[in-house]
Amino acid sequence: MPVTVLIVDDHDGFRTFARTLLEADGFDVIGEAGSGEAGLEAAVRLRPAVVLLDIQLPGADGFEILERLAHVAHAPAVVLISTRDGSSIRRRVAATAARGFVRKDELSGAAIAELLRA
């Protein structure tokens, strides 16, 4: 059974790109959201196995949404994404419950799968 994914990012074009890429690699993208609040609501409703969560979102940022996701029933694995260089936020990501971080330009099904195995 494919791993279910919710994509939370405020850029429509990136969500479309990520959906296409992950579905081609065998993931089942079951939803998308354009803000942290919408992503949180979708995660509660859809119960994905994984949330691909942008760090920079309007309103509540990805770190705040990550904290809130940790307290929902059936909490998903969270992979943080950003256009930022990972070295600038590595410590902050390491201090969270996220499975890890992937730069948007390095996103692949293999990168997500590797983080899920860790």
Protein backbone atom coordinates (compact mmCIF):
# COMPACT_ATOMS: atom_id res chain seq x y z
CA MET A 1 0.00 0.00 0.00
CA PRO A 2 1.44 3.41 -0.96
CA VAL A 3 2.42 5.92 1.72
CA THR A 4 -0.16 8.71 1.98
CA VAL A 5 1.09 12.30 1.84
CA LEU A 6 -0.34 15.75 2.53
CA ILE A 7 1.54 18.66 0.94
CA VAL A 8 1.43 21.97 2.83
CA ASP A 9 3.00 24.84 0.91
CA ASP A 10 1.77 28.32 -0.01
CA HIS A 11 2.91 28.10 -3.65
CA ASP A 12 0.44 26.40 -6.00
CA GLY A 13 3.15 25.62 -8.54
CA PHE A 14 5.33 23.87 -5.99
CA ARG A 15 2.41 21.80 -4.69
CA THR A 16 1.67 20.68 -8.26
CA PHE A 17 5.35 19.85 -8.85
CA ALA A 18 5.65 17.95 -5.55
CA ARG A 19 2.43 16.00 -6.19
CA THR A 20 3.59 14.94 -9.66
CA LEU A 21 7.04 13.98 -8.42
CA LEU A 22 5.87 12.00 -5.37
CA GLU A 23 3.07 10.22 -7.22
CA ALA A 24 5.56 9.17 -9.93
CA ASP A 25 7.67 7.66 -7.12
CA GLY A 26 4.75 5.64 -5.74
CA PHE A 27 3.42 7.90 -2.99
CA ASP A 28 -0.31 8.60 -2.69
CA VAL A 29 -0.83 12.36 -2.35
CA ILE A 30 -4.21 12.59 -0.64
CA GLY A 31 -4.37 16.34 -0.14
CA GLU A 32 -2.83 19.77 -0.41
CA ALA A 33 -3.07 22.94 1.66
CA GLY A 34 -1.84 26.47 1.06
CA SER A 35 -1.46 27.59 4.68
CA GLY A 36 -0.43 26.13 8.01
CA GLU A 37 -3.93 26.34 9.47
CA ALA A 38 -5.46 24.66 6.41
CA GLY A 39 -2.72 22.03 6.56
CA LEU A 40 -3.44 21.29 10.20
CA GLU A 41 -7.15 20.91 9.49
CA ALA A 42 -6.44 18.67 6.48
CA ALA A 43 -4.06 16.50 8.51
CA VAL A 44 -6.72 15.92 11.17
CA ARG A 45 -9.38 15.16 8.55
CA LEU A 46 -7.33 13.08 6.07
CA ARG A 47 -4.91 11.33 8.49
CA PRO A 48 -1.93 11.13 6.12
CA ALA A 49 1.09 9.04 7.02
CA VAL A 50 3.36 11.94 6.04
CA VAL A 51 3.01 15.72 5.93
CA LEU A 52 5.41 17.54 3.63
CA LEU A 53 5.47 20.91 5.44
CA ASP A 54 6.97 24.17 4.22
CA ILE A 55 8.76 26.14 6.92
CA GLN A 56 7.78 29.55 5.54
CA LEU A 57 4.00 29.81 5.51
CA PRO A 58 1.61 32.74 5.90
CA GLY A 59 0.27 33.01 9.43
CA ALA A 60 1.57 30.14 11.56
CA ASP A 61 4.93 28.96 10.22
CA GLY A 62 5.92 25.35 9.66
CA PHE A 63 7.59 25.01 13.05
CA GLU A 64 4.42 26.09 14.86
CA ILE A 65 2.26 23.74 12.77
CA LEU A 66 4.73 20.90 13.42
CA GLU A 67 4.31 21.41 17.18
CA ARG A 68 0.54 21.36 16.84
CA LEU A 69 0.59 18.25 14.63
CA ALA A 70 2.45 16.35 17.34
CA HIS A 71 -0.66 16.61 19.51
CA VAL A 72 -3.29 15.35 17.05
CA ALA A 73 -4.64 11.81 17.06
CA HIS A 74 -2.72 9.66 14.57
CA ALA A 75 0.11 12.21 14.36
CA PRO A 76 1.79 11.97 10.95
CA ALA A 77 5.49 11.87 10.22
CA VAL A 78 6.54 15.37 9.19
CA VAL A 79 9.21 16.29 6.66
CA LEU A 80 10.07 19.99 6.65
CA ILE A 81 10.84 21.67 3.33
CA SER A 82 12.13 25.09 2.31
CA THR A 83 14.04 26.95 -0.34
CA ARG A 84 16.46 27.96 2.43
CA ASP A 85 19.80 26.26 2.83
CA GLY A 86 19.45 23.53 5.45
CA SER A 87 22.63 24.55 7.25
CA SER A 88 21.02 27.79 8.40
CA ILE A 89 18.19 25.94 10.19
CA ARG A 90 19.74 22.54 10.91
CA ARG A 91 19.82 23.00 14.71
CA ARG A 92 16.25 24.21 14.84
CA VAL A 93 15.05 21.26 12.74
CA ALA A 94 17.06 18.81 14.88
CA ALA A 95 15.29 20.12 17.99
CA THR A 96 11.85 19.20 16.58
CA ALA A 97 9.90 16.00 16.10
CA ALA A 98 10.29 16.28 12.31
CA ARG A 99 11.72 13.28 10.49
CA GLY A 100 14.07 15.66 8.75
CA PHE A 101 14.49 18.45 6.24
CA VAL A 102 14.67 18.49 2.43
CA ARG A 103 15.45 21.53 0.31
CA LYS A 104 12.70 22.03 -2.25
CA ASP A 105 15.14 21.75 -5.13
CA GLU A 106 16.33 18.38 -3.77
CA LEU A 107 12.87 16.88 -3.22
CA SER A 108 12.46 13.30 -4.41
CA GLY A 109 10.55 10.23 -3.43
CA ALA A 110 13.86 8.61 -2.49
CA ALA A 111 14.73 11.48 -0.13
CA ILE A 112 11.35 11.18 1.61
CA ALA A 113 11.61 7.39 1.80
CA GLU A 114 15.09 7.65 3.34
CA LEU A 115 13.82 9.99 6.07
CA LEU A 116 10.91 7.67 6.80
CA ARG A 117 13.28 4.73 7.27
CA ALA A 118 15.45 6.67 9.74
